[in-house]
N, C-alpha and C. Protein backbone atom coordinates (compact mmCIF):
# COMPACT_ATOMS: atom_id res chain seq x y z
N MET A 1 0.79 -1.48 0.18
CA MET A 1 0.52 -0.31 -0.01
C MET A 1 0.64 1.53 -0.36
N LYS A 2 1.77 1.24 1.06
CA LYS A 2 2.48 2.39 0.73
C LYS A 2 3.42 2.77 -0.31
N TYR A 3 4.05 1.78 -0.74
CA TYR A 3 4.35 1.92 -2.33
C TYR A 3 3.55 2.48 -3.08
N ARG A 4 2.31 1.83 -3.30
CA ARG A 4 1.22 2.89 -4.33
C ARG A 4 0.95 4.32 -4.06
N THR A 5 1.41 4.44 -2.82
CA THR A 5 1.12 5.88 -2.33
C THR A 5 2.48 6.89 -3.02
N LEU A 6 3.47 6.06 -3.09
CA LEU A 6 4.50 6.33 -3.36
C LEU A 6 4.59 7.13 -4.92
N ALA A 7 4.38 5.69 -5.78
CA ALA A 7 4.09 5.65 -6.97
C ALA A 7 3.09 6.59 -7.44
N VAL A 8 1.86 7.40 -6.73
CA VAL A 8 1.16 7.86 -7.22
C VAL A 8 1.76 9.37 -6.66
N LEU A 9 2.71 9.73 -5.06
CA LEU A 9 3.05 10.69 -5.34
C LEU A 9 4.14 10.96 -6.46
N VAL A 10 5.01 10.07 -6.86
CA VAL A 10 6.18 10.54 -8.14
C VAL A 10 5.15 10.52 -8.98
N PHE A 11 4.26 10.45 -9.60
CA PHE A 11 3.61 10.20 -11.10
C PHE A 11 3.18 11.61 -10.80
N GLY A 12 2.08 12.34 -9.52
CA GLY A 12 1.68 13.43 -9.64
C GLY A 12 2.58 14.18 -9.54
N LEU A 13 3.53 14.40 -9.07
CA LEU A 13 4.47 15.23 -9.16
C LEU A 13 5.12 15.47 -9.87
N THR A 14 5.74 14.44 -10.87
CA THR A 14 6.20 14.75 -12.13
C THR A 14 5.32 15.22 -13.01
N LEU A 15 3.74 14.67 -13.29
CA LEU A 15 2.73 15.39 -14.22
C LEU A 15 2.89 16.68 -13.57
N ILE A 16 2.80 17.32 -13.00
CA ILE A 16 2.73 18.44 -12.31
C ILE A 16 3.72 19.73 -12.66
N ASP A 17 4.55 19.10 -12.16
CA ASP A 17 6.00 19.43 -13.01
C ASP A 17 6.35 19.72 -14.56
N ARG A 18 5.86 18.57 -15.20
CA ARG A 18 5.72 18.67 -16.73
C ARG A 18 4.90 19.85 -17.13
N ALA A 19 3.59 20.10 -16.47
CA ALA A 19 2.85 20.60 -17.17
C ALA A 19 3.03 22.06 -16.63
N ALA A 20 3.59 22.71 -15.50
CA ALA A 20 3.55 23.86 -15.25
C ALA A 20 5.02 24.70 -16.29
N LYS A 21 6.10 23.57 -16.48
CA LYS A 21 6.83 24.00 -17.53
C LYS A 21 6.14 24.08 -18.95
N VAL A 22 5.66 23.18 -19.47
CA VAL A 22 4.57 23.37 -20.55
C VAL A 22 3.95 25.04 -20.78
N PHE A 23 3.44 25.51 -19.58
CA PHE A 23 2.68 26.46 -19.57
C PHE A 23 3.57 27.57 -19.62
N ALA A 24 4.99 27.34 -18.99
CA ALA A 24 6.28 28.53 -18.66
C ALA A 24 6.63 28.71 -20.19
N LEU A 25 5.99 27.82 -21.09
CA LEU A 25 6.87 27.82 -22.36
C LEU A 25 6.36 28.44 -23.28
N SER A 26 4.91 28.79 -22.58
CA SER A 26 3.88 29.73 -23.21
C SER A 26 3.78 31.18 -22.74
N LEU A 27 4.38 31.47 -21.97
CA LEU A 27 4.74 32.75 -21.15
C LEU A 27 5.17 33.66 -22.47
N THR A 28 4.30 34.64 -22.78
CA THR A 28 5.25 35.05 -24.25
C THR A 28 5.26 36.78 -23.37
N LYS A 29 4.04 36.99 -22.66
CA LYS A 29 4.15 38.13 -21.97
C LYS A 29 5.02 37.82 -20.74
N ALA A 30 6.00 38.92 -20.36
CA ALA A 30 6.94 38.84 -19.23
C ALA A 30 6.26 40.53 -18.49
N PRO A 31 6.30 40.10 -16.92
CA PRO A 31 5.86 38.61 -16.29
C PRO A 31 4.71 38.68 -15.87
N TYR A 32 4.19 37.62 -15.61
CA TYR A 32 3.13 37.25 -15.64
C TYR A 32 2.78 37.62 -13.78
N VAL A 33 2.49 38.42 -13.33
CA VAL A 33 2.46 38.73 -11.64
C VAL A 33 1.14 38.22 -10.96
N LEU A 34 1.66 36.86 -10.04
CA LEU A 34 1.17 36.03 -9.12
C LEU A 34 0.93 37.10 -7.90
N CYS A 35 1.55 38.11 -7.43
CA CYS A 35 1.29 38.31 -6.16
C CYS A 35 2.50 39.72 -6.25
N THR A 36 1.68 40.75 -6.35
CA THR A 36 2.46 42.28 -6.21
C THR A 36 2.86 42.42 -5.25
N PRO A 37 4.64 42.75 -5.12
CA PRO A 37 5.42 42.62 -6.33
C PRO A 37 6.42 41.82 -5.85
N TRP A 38 6.03 40.63 -5.23
CA TRP A 38 7.68 39.73 -5.07
C TRP A 38 7.28 38.50 -5.79
N LEU A 39 6.02 38.27 -6.40
CA LEU A 39 5.78 36.78 -6.94
C LEU A 39 5.81 36.70 -8.32
N GLU A 40 5.95 36.20 -9.20
CA GLU A 40 5.82 36.27 -10.61
C GLU A 40 6.31 35.26 -11.86
N LEU A 41 5.86 34.73 -12.22
CA LEU A 41 5.99 33.62 -13.43
C LEU A 41 6.65 34.15 -14.83
N GLU A 42 7.84 33.76 -15.14
CA GLU A 42 7.74 34.45 -16.23
C GLU A 42 9.41 33.71 -17.14
N LEU A 43 9.19 32.91 -18.09
CA LEU A 43 10.20 31.97 -18.71
C LEU A 43 11.45 32.80 -18.56
N GLU A 44 12.66 31.75 -18.49
CA GLU A 44 13.83 32.19 -18.04
C GLU A 44 14.69 30.86 -19.00
N LYS A 45 15.30 30.85 -19.47
CA LYS A 45 16.09 29.64 -20.00
C LYS A 45 17.14 29.51 -19.25
N ASN A 46 17.06 28.47 -18.35
CA ASN A 46 18.82 28.06 -17.50
C ASN A 46 19.62 27.01 -18.50
N PHE A 47 20.76 27.84 -18.57
CA PHE A 47 21.66 26.90 -19.24
C PHE A 47 23.27 26.68 -18.79
N GLY A 48 22.95 26.93 -17.59
CA GLY A 48 24.12 26.68 -16.06
C GLY A 48 23.17 25.85 -15.64
N LEU A 49 23.87 25.92 -14.07
CA LEU A 49 23.35 25.21 -12.53
C LEU A 49 22.40 26.13 -12.31
N ALA A 50 22.00 26.09 -10.87
CA ALA A 50 21.40 26.92 -10.04
C ALA A 50 22.17 28.39 -10.46
N TRP A 51 21.16 29.59 -10.43
CA TRP A 51 21.88 30.83 -10.61
C TRP A 51 22.55 30.95 -11.78
N ASN A 52 22.28 29.99 -12.81
CA ASN A 52 23.33 30.23 -14.16
C ASN A 52 24.40 29.71 -13.77
N ILE A 53 25.13 29.47 -12.91
CA ILE A 53 26.52 28.83 -12.67
C ILE A 53 27.12 27.80 -13.45
N GLY A 54 27.86 28.06 -14.01
CA GLY A 54 28.51 26.49 -15.65
C GLY A 54 27.64 27.28 -16.50
N THR A 55 27.29 27.96 -16.87
CA THR A 55 26.89 28.94 -18.18
C THR A 55 27.83 29.12 -19.32
N GLY A 56 27.72 27.99 -20.10
CA GLY A 56 28.96 27.72 -21.05
C GLY A 56 29.48 26.57 -21.22
N ILE A 57 29.06 25.64 -20.15
CA ILE A 57 29.95 24.13 -20.09
C ILE A 57 28.65 23.42 -20.81
N SER A 58 29.25 22.47 -21.86
CA SER A 58 28.89 21.84 -22.75
C SER A 58 26.96 21.18 -21.61
N ASN A 59 26.27 21.16 -22.70
CA ASN A 59 25.38 20.18 -22.49
C ASN A 59 25.38 18.95 -21.88
N TYR A 60 26.20 18.01 -22.89
CA TYR A 60 26.60 16.48 -22.89
C TYR A 60 27.44 16.66 -21.28
N ILE A 61 28.09 17.49 -20.92
CA ILE A 61 29.09 17.48 -19.33
C ILE A 61 27.82 17.47 -18.89
N PHE A 62 26.76 18.51 -18.39
CA PHE A 62 25.51 18.18 -17.67
C PHE A 62 24.85 17.37 -17.76
N ILE A 63 24.22 16.90 -18.77
CA ILE A 63 23.53 15.64 -18.81
C ILE A 63 24.46 14.37 -18.59
N ALA A 64 25.90 14.24 -18.63
CA ALA A 64 26.44 13.08 -18.07
C ALA A 64 26.60 13.06 -16.71
N LEU A 65 27.27 14.02 -15.85
CA LEU A 65 27.33 14.22 -14.38
C LEU A 65 25.64 14.41 -13.53
N MET A 66 24.41 14.73 -14.22
CA MET A 66 23.39 14.37 -13.80
C MET A 66 22.86 13.17 -13.94
N SER A 67 23.59 12.71 -14.90
CA SER A 67 23.03 11.04 -14.98
C SER A 67 23.58 10.40 -14.04
N ILE A 68 24.32 10.29 -13.71
CA ILE A 68 25.53 9.62 -12.84
C ILE A 68 24.99 9.78 -10.98
N ILE A 69 24.47 11.02 -11.24
CA ILE A 69 23.88 11.42 -9.89
C ILE A 69 22.21 10.76 -9.48
N LEU A 70 21.83 10.76 -10.44
CA LEU A 70 20.65 9.92 -10.69
C LEU A 70 20.78 8.82 -10.70
N LEU A 71 21.14 7.83 -11.24
CA LEU A 71 21.20 6.80 -11.05
C LEU A 71 21.94 6.33 -9.35
N GLY A 72 22.64 7.05 -8.86
CA GLY A 72 22.52 7.18 -7.55
C GLY A 72 21.82 7.22 -6.39
N PHE A 73 20.96 7.97 -7.15
CA PHE A 73 19.58 8.04 -5.89
C PHE A 73 18.50 7.19 -6.40
N ALA A 74 18.85 6.37 -7.85
CA ALA A 74 17.95 5.18 -8.16
C ALA A 74 18.44 4.08 -7.21
N TYR A 75 19.68 4.03 -7.18
CA TYR A 75 20.04 2.85 -6.57
C TYR A 75 19.97 3.21 -5.45
N LYS A 76 19.80 3.88 -4.58
CA LYS A 76 19.71 4.47 -2.91
C LYS A 76 17.91 4.24 -2.84
N ILE A 77 17.20 4.44 -3.57
CA ILE A 77 15.73 4.35 -3.42
C ILE A 77 15.49 2.64 -4.07
N VAL A 78 15.99 2.04 -4.67
CA VAL A 78 16.06 0.18 -4.60
C VAL A 78 16.81 -0.29 -3.49
N LEU A 79 17.74 0.38 -3.09
CA LEU A 79 18.23 -0.31 -1.47
C LEU A 79 17.23 -0.06 -0.63
N ALA A 80 16.69 1.44 -0.70
CA ALA A 80 15.14 1.60 0.38
C ALA A 80 13.80 0.44 0.04
N TRP A 81 13.81 0.55 -0.85
CA TRP A 81 12.65 -0.18 -0.69
C TRP A 81 12.99 -1.90 -0.56
N CYS A 82 13.93 -2.68 -0.75
CA CYS A 82 14.32 -3.63 -0.23
C CYS A 82 14.30 -3.90 1.03
N SER A 83 14.74 -3.02 1.75
CA SER A 83 15.02 -2.84 3.56
C SER A 83 13.44 -2.36 3.66
N HIS A 84 12.53 -2.53 2.78
CA HIS A 84 10.96 -1.94 3.13
C HIS A 84 10.88 -0.57 3.66
N ALA A 85 11.89 0.58 3.69
CA ALA A 85 11.65 1.54 3.77
C ALA A 85 11.22 2.52 2.85
N LEU A 86 10.50 3.53 3.02
CA LEU A 86 9.86 4.44 1.80
C LEU A 86 10.96 5.50 1.77
N PRO A 87 11.30 5.24 0.44
CA PRO A 87 12.28 6.33 -0.24
C PRO A 87 12.01 7.82 -0.17
N VAL A 88 10.29 8.65 0.30
CA VAL A 88 10.17 9.84 -0.40
C VAL A 88 11.32 11.06 -0.21
N ALA A 89 12.12 11.32 0.61
CA ALA A 89 13.23 12.10 0.05
C ALA A 89 14.00 12.07 -0.77
N GLU A 90 14.47 10.76 -1.12
CA GLU A 90 15.62 10.05 -2.56
C GLU A 90 14.42 10.64 -3.75
N SER A 91 13.48 9.87 -3.56
CA SER A 91 12.24 9.99 -4.90
C SER A 91 12.28 11.57 -5.49
N LEU A 92 12.58 12.50 -4.23
CA LEU A 92 11.83 13.82 -4.47
C LEU A 92 13.24 14.33 -5.57
N VAL A 93 14.30 14.04 -5.03
CA VAL A 93 15.26 14.54 -6.09
C VAL A 93 15.63 13.89 -7.23
N PHE A 94 14.90 12.49 -7.34
CA PHE A 94 14.85 11.64 -8.31
C PHE A 94 14.19 12.46 -9.29
N ILE A 95 13.19 12.59 -8.87
CA ILE A 95 12.27 13.02 -9.99
C ILE A 95 12.33 14.29 -10.20
N GLY A 96 12.92 15.68 -9.30
CA GLY A 96 13.34 17.13 -10.16
C GLY A 96 14.54 16.90 -10.89
N GLY A 97 15.37 16.26 -10.53
CA GLY A 97 16.77 15.81 -11.34
C GLY A 97 16.47 15.43 -12.57
N LEU A 98 15.65 14.33 -12.66
CA LEU A 98 14.95 13.44 -14.17
C LEU A 98 14.44 14.51 -14.75
N SER A 99 13.40 15.44 -14.26
CA SER A 99 13.02 16.69 -14.88
C SER A 99 13.80 17.58 -15.59
N ASN A 100 15.00 17.95 -14.71
CA ASN A 100 15.51 18.92 -15.47
C ASN A 100 16.37 18.31 -16.45
N VAL A 101 16.83 17.29 -16.31
CA VAL A 101 17.67 16.50 -17.20
C VAL A 101 17.14 16.48 -18.50
N PHE A 102 15.64 15.75 -18.33
CA PHE A 102 14.67 15.78 -19.73
C PHE A 102 14.45 17.11 -20.27
N ASP A 103 14.92 18.21 -19.82
CA ASP A 103 14.31 19.84 -20.30
C ASP A 103 16.00 20.07 -20.91
N ARG A 104 17.07 19.72 -20.17
CA ARG A 104 18.22 19.68 -21.23
C ARG A 104 18.26 18.98 -22.56
N ILE A 105 17.71 17.75 -22.49
CA ILE A 105 17.89 17.15 -23.58
C ILE A 105 17.00 17.39 -24.48
N CYS A 106 15.53 17.71 -24.21
CA CYS A 106 14.69 18.14 -25.09
C CYS A 106 14.85 20.03 -25.61
N TYR A 107 15.47 20.49 -24.63
CA TYR A 107 15.33 21.97 -25.12
C TYR A 107 16.75 22.55 -25.07
N GLY A 108 17.94 22.20 -24.60
CA GLY A 108 18.70 22.46 -24.17
C GLY A 108 18.82 23.35 -23.33
N PHE A 109 18.23 23.41 -22.59
CA PHE A 109 18.30 24.69 -20.94
C PHE A 109 17.03 23.95 -19.92
N VAL A 110 17.31 24.66 -18.90
CA VAL A 110 16.51 23.89 -17.82
C VAL A 110 15.35 25.10 -18.12
N ILE A 111 14.03 24.89 -18.22
CA ILE A 111 12.61 25.90 -18.07
C ILE A 111 12.49 26.24 -16.69
N ASP A 112 13.50 27.30 -16.32
CA ASP A 112 12.95 28.23 -14.97
C ASP A 112 11.76 29.36 -15.32
N PHE A 113 10.61 29.57 -14.15
CA PHE A 113 9.43 30.43 -14.14
C PHE A 113 9.11 31.08 -13.40
N VAL A 114 9.39 30.13 -11.86
CA VAL A 114 9.04 31.29 -10.72
C VAL A 114 10.12 32.19 -9.98
N ARG A 115 9.69 33.58 -10.33
CA ARG A 115 10.55 34.19 -9.85
C ARG A 115 10.36 35.18 -8.75
N ILE A 116 10.54 35.14 -7.76
CA ILE A 116 10.93 35.97 -6.44
C ILE A 116 11.65 37.00 -6.33
N ASN A 117 10.80 38.59 -6.35
CA ASN A 117 11.61 39.61 -6.27
C ASN A 117 11.96 39.83 -4.84
N VAL A 118 12.93 40.57 -4.63
CA VAL A 118 12.54 41.89 -3.49
C VAL A 118 12.81 43.13 -3.80
N ALA A 119 12.08 44.03 -4.12
CA ALA A 119 12.52 45.17 -4.27
C ALA A 119 11.97 45.10 -5.59
N THR A 120 13.44 45.92 -6.05
CA THR A 120 13.01 45.76 -7.91
C THR A 120 14.30 44.34 -8.09
N TYR A 121 14.58 43.87 -7.50
CA TYR A 121 16.02 42.98 -7.48
C TYR A 121 14.98 41.50 -7.68
N ALA A 122 15.46 40.80 -8.54
CA ALA A 122 15.13 39.50 -8.83
C ALA A 122 16.17 38.42 -8.07
N LEU A 123 15.48 38.28 -6.58
CA LEU A 123 16.41 37.07 -6.09
C LEU A 123 16.84 35.99 -6.35
N SER A 124 15.61 35.09 -7.00
CA SER A 124 15.68 33.70 -7.58
C SER A 124 14.92 33.83 -8.94
N VAL A 125 15.16 32.97 -9.25
CA VAL A 125 14.19 32.15 -10.26
C VAL A 125 13.97 30.55 -10.32
N PHE A 126 13.06 29.73 -10.37
CA PHE A 126 13.50 28.33 -10.35
C PHE A 126 12.14 27.81 -10.74
N ASN A 127 11.97 26.26 -10.69
CA ASN A 127 10.89 25.37 -11.43
C ASN A 127 10.27 24.14 -10.01
N LEU A 128 9.45 23.72 -10.35
CA LEU A 128 9.21 23.21 -9.55
C LEU A 128 10.04 22.09 -9.23
N ALA A 129 10.96 21.41 -10.16
CA ALA A 129 11.44 20.23 -9.85
C ALA A 129 12.62 20.68 -9.36
N ASP A 130 13.07 22.14 -9.05
CA ASP A 130 14.11 22.65 -7.89
C ASP A 130 13.32 22.45 -6.38
N ILE A 131 12.39 23.03 -6.68
CA ILE A 131 11.79 22.72 -4.90
C ILE A 131 11.36 21.22 -4.58
N TYR A 132 11.65 20.28 -5.64
CA TYR A 132 11.03 18.88 -5.38
C TYR A 132 12.90 18.43 -4.51
N ILE A 133 13.70 18.94 -5.48
CA ILE A 133 14.78 18.86 -4.75
C ILE A 133 15.38 19.08 -3.77
N THR A 134 15.04 20.60 -3.60
CA THR A 134 15.55 21.16 -2.31
C THR A 134 14.64 20.45 -0.72
N LEU A 135 13.31 20.23 -1.00
CA LEU A 135 12.83 19.71 -0.03
C LEU A 135 13.50 18.11 -0.12
N GLY A 136 13.65 17.36 -0.75
CA GLY A 136 14.21 16.35 -0.58
C GLY A 136 15.59 16.35 -0.16
N LEU A 137 16.21 17.09 -0.43
CA LEU A 137 17.75 17.01 0.27
C LEU A 137 17.24 17.93 1.92
N ILE A 138 16.47 18.28 1.86
CA ILE A 138 16.02 19.15 3.55
C ILE A 138 15.45 17.60 4.61
N PHE A 139 15.19 16.75 3.91
CA PHE A 139 14.13 15.68 4.61
C PHE A 139 15.13 14.54 4.79
N MET A 140 16.37 14.15 3.81
CA MET A 140 17.80 13.49 3.78
C MET A 140 18.60 14.52 4.75
N LEU A 141 18.52 15.76 4.91
CA LEU A 141 19.66 16.31 5.62
C LEU A 141 18.79 16.12 7.65
N GLN A 142 17.87 16.04 7.46
CA GLN A 142 16.98 16.24 8.49
C GLN A 142 17.02 14.56 8.76
N ARG A 143 16.90 13.56 8.02
CA ARG A 143 16.82 12.32 8.56
C ARG A 143 18.65 11.96 8.94
N ALA A 144 19.22 12.42 8.61
CA ALA A 144 20.79 12.00 8.96
C ALA A 144 21.32 12.80 10.63
N TRP A 145 20.72 14.10 10.31
CA TRP A 145 20.72 14.88 11.97
C TRP A 145 19.56 14.02 13.04
N ASN A 146 18.71 13.28 12.60
CA ASN A 146 18.08 12.34 13.68
C ASN A 146 18.89 11.31 13.96
N ASP A 147 19.44 10.99 12.83
CA ASP A 147 20.24 9.07 12.89
C ASP A 147 21.55 9.41 13.78
């Protein structure tokens, strides 16, 4: 039963992330204000990592490195399933990473679209997959801290 719940969670979050990114690709008018003045939606093509770090590095290198990392998380998920644990944190990181790798393969960049503003400065631009990765890492750190 708990694995079915995890499968629904994984499928649901992946579907929500992909739908949000398809919507973001349709954003032609910039920006789409959700909550003035600090939360907006605007398409930004991220050719690097977080905060565009590494812009200019070949997509093949990004895809290769992310694939290796994702294989590690997939291995960790399988080990957790074998020990009858529920690998929610690892699954969140895997979903987010896989979605961003999918963007790189299909579009050549990661689709970022949620922008947080402080005054007139864009503090951060990210996507739902980035939120999944961050939450997964926080859960993993919390588990490590408690163990």
